[in-house]
Protein backbone atom coordinates (compact mmCIF):
# COMPACT_ATOMS: atom_id res chain seq x y z
CA MET A 1 -35.47 -90.24 -19.95
CA VAL A 2 -35.44 -86.69 -21.52
CA THR A 3 -38.46 -84.73 -22.36
CA GLU A 4 -38.28 -82.36 -25.44
CA LEU A 5 -39.47 -79.13 -24.82
CA CYS A 6 -40.56 -78.98 -28.64
CA SER A 7 -40.31 -80.31 -31.79
CA GLU A 8 -39.18 -78.66 -35.20
CA ASP A 9 -42.44 -77.89 -36.28
CA ASP A 10 -42.59 -75.58 -32.58
CA VAL A 11 -40.28 -74.06 -33.57
CA SER A 12 -40.61 -73.04 -37.25
CA ASN A 13 -44.24 -71.89 -36.16
CA LEU A 14 -43.35 -69.82 -33.57
CA VAL A 15 -40.66 -67.84 -35.54
CA HIS A 16 -42.72 -67.63 -38.80
CA ALA A 17 -45.18 -66.45 -37.09
CA PHE A 18 -43.38 -63.76 -34.99
CA TYR A 19 -41.50 -62.78 -38.05
CA ALA A 20 -44.82 -62.03 -39.88
CA ARG A 21 -45.98 -59.81 -37.46
CA VAL A 22 -42.40 -58.15 -37.42
CA ARG A 23 -42.79 -57.94 -41.42
CA GLN A 24 -46.64 -56.39 -41.03
CA ASP A 25 -44.98 -54.01 -37.75
CA GLU A 26 -45.71 -50.36 -39.12
CA VAL A 27 -42.21 -49.94 -37.02
CA LEU A 28 -40.16 -52.71 -37.09
CA GLY A 29 -41.26 -54.02 -40.74
CA PRO A 30 -39.76 -51.50 -42.95
CA ILE A 31 -35.92 -51.88 -40.97
CA PHE A 32 -36.43 -55.61 -41.46
CA ASP A 33 -37.43 -55.06 -44.97
CA ALA A 34 -34.76 -52.38 -45.62
CA HIS A 35 -32.05 -54.96 -44.35
CA VAL A 36 -33.30 -58.30 -45.38
CA ASP A 37 -32.85 -59.05 -48.80
CA GLU A 38 -34.00 -63.18 -49.24
CA TRP A 39 -36.42 -63.26 -46.49
CA GLU A 40 -37.32 -67.42 -46.99
CA HIS A 41 -33.05 -67.73 -46.66
CA HIS A 42 -33.41 -65.65 -43.31
CA LEU A 43 -36.52 -66.99 -42.12
CA ALA A 44 -34.51 -70.71 -42.38
CA LYS A 45 -31.32 -69.29 -40.17
CA LEU A 46 -33.44 -68.05 -37.64
CA VAL A 47 -35.64 -71.51 -37.30
CA ASP A 48 -31.72 -72.73 -37.51
CA PHE A 49 -31.45 -69.92 -34.66
CA TRP A 50 -33.91 -70.67 -32.32
CA SER A 51 -33.33 -74.44 -33.07
CA SER A 52 -30.12 -74.41 -31.63
CA ILE A 53 -31.73 -72.39 -28.22
CA LEU A 54 -34.91 -74.31 -27.63
CA ARG A 55 -33.99 -78.14 -28.94
CA ARG A 56 -30.16 -78.07 -28.78
CA THR A 57 -29.62 -79.02 -32.11
CA GLY A 58 -26.62 -76.69 -32.92
CA ARG A 59 -27.62 -76.40 -36.54
CA PHE A 60 -27.01 -72.77 -36.21
CA ALA A 61 -23.61 -71.23 -37.23
CA GLY A 62 -22.98 -67.44 -37.06
CA ALA A 63 -22.46 -64.27 -35.24
CA PRO A 64 -25.63 -62.01 -35.09
CA MET A 65 -24.21 -59.17 -33.30
CA PRO A 66 -21.82 -57.92 -35.86
CA LYS A 67 -24.80 -57.56 -38.32
CA HIS A 68 -26.66 -55.99 -35.76
CA ALA A 69 -23.83 -53.61 -34.71
CA VAL A 70 -23.95 -51.56 -38.18
CA LEU A 71 -27.65 -50.79 -38.44
CA PRO A 72 -28.17 -47.39 -38.31
CA GLY A 73 -30.49 -45.72 -36.23
CA LEU A 74 -31.72 -48.72 -33.30
CA THR A 75 -33.11 -48.09 -30.39
CA ALA A 76 -33.77 -49.26 -26.98
CA GLU A 77 -37.90 -48.55 -27.86
CA LEU A 78 -37.31 -50.57 -31.12
CA PHE A 79 -35.68 -53.54 -29.40
CA GLN A 80 -39.07 -53.10 -26.72
CA ARG A 81 -40.88 -53.02 -29.35
CA TRP A 82 -39.10 -56.30 -31.10
CA LEU A 83 -39.39 -57.60 -27.59
CA ALA A 84 -42.99 -56.78 -26.93
CA LEU A 85 -44.27 -58.34 -30.08
CA PHE A 86 -41.61 -61.66 -29.28
CA ARG A 87 -43.71 -61.85 -25.81
CA GLU A 88 -47.30 -62.00 -27.91
CA THR A 89 -46.50 -64.02 -30.38
CA ALA A 90 -44.96 -66.77 -27.99
CA ALA A 91 -47.82 -66.98 -25.74
CA ALA A 92 -50.33 -67.31 -28.57
CA GLN A 93 -48.33 -70.44 -29.41
CA PRO A 94 -49.71 -74.06 -28.19
CA ASN A 95 -47.13 -75.20 -26.84
CA ARG A 96 -46.72 -73.01 -23.44
CA ALA A 97 -43.19 -74.38 -22.15
CA MET A 98 -41.83 -73.41 -25.83
CA GLY A 99 -43.35 -70.13 -25.31
CA GLU A 100 -41.93 -69.35 -21.95
CA GLN A 101 -38.69 -70.34 -22.65
CA ALA A 102 -39.10 -68.67 -25.62
CA CYS A 103 -39.53 -65.60 -23.98
CA ALA A 104 -36.85 -66.08 -21.24
CA MET A 105 -33.89 -66.25 -24.23
CA ALA A 106 -35.25 -63.30 -26.13
CA GLU A 107 -35.36 -61.31 -23.37
CA ARG A 108 -31.43 -62.64 -23.02
CA ILE A 109 -30.61 -62.35 -26.54
CA ALA A 110 -32.45 -58.57 -26.72
CA GLN A 111 -30.39 -57.19 -23.89
CA SER A 112 -27.37 -58.74 -25.31
CA LEU A 113 -27.56 -57.24 -28.72
CA TRP A 114 -28.29 -54.17 -26.91
CA MET A 115 -25.78 -53.65 -25.15
CA GLY A 116 -23.50 -54.51 -27.95
CA TYR A 117 -24.78 -52.08 -30.04
CA GLN A 118 -24.61 -49.39 -27.82
CA MET A 119 -20.93 -50.40 -27.28
CA ASN A 120 -20.41 -50.83 -30.78
CA ARG A 121 -21.59 -47.20 -31.64
CA ASP A 122 -19.75 -45.71 -28.32
CA PRO A 123 -17.45 -47.51 -26.80
CA ASP A 124 -16.49 -44.98 -24.39
CA ALA A 125 -19.82 -44.48 -23.05
CA ILE A 126 -21.74 -46.76 -20.15
CA PRO A 127 -24.29 -48.42 -22.36
CA THR A 128 -27.91 -49.09 -20.74
CA ALA A 129 -29.98 -51.87 -20.10
CA LEU A 130 -33.11 -52.05 -21.60
CA SER A 131 -36.19 -52.03 -19.17
CA HIS A 132 -38.66 -54.37 -18.12
CA ASP A 133 -42.11 -53.92 -18.98
């Protein structure tokens, strides 16, 4: 018998708690607010995304890389700030196993988006990895 890592409610609670913090963050909040037109729609897509990762539901259909690659002025520090907020939010979730797995996946996602962002911005340069805090 396979036990599930988390419930759909666990995923939804994590996503909503995290992006509530992002929106309140003095640095990340204005960036997200400038590029997200409809938060309820965006949050629903993010729940689908994380449900696909953490529960293997396959609900998410999309390509995050092109949407992030066109954003102006992203830096390693912004990705690190996003990751720090994610880690804090995930650690506060009652489902510790899900929080740990979500953090591991968030690290990979942030690293991938940062590398892709750099390659899109300057294809001839060697991209740098995010440092581990």
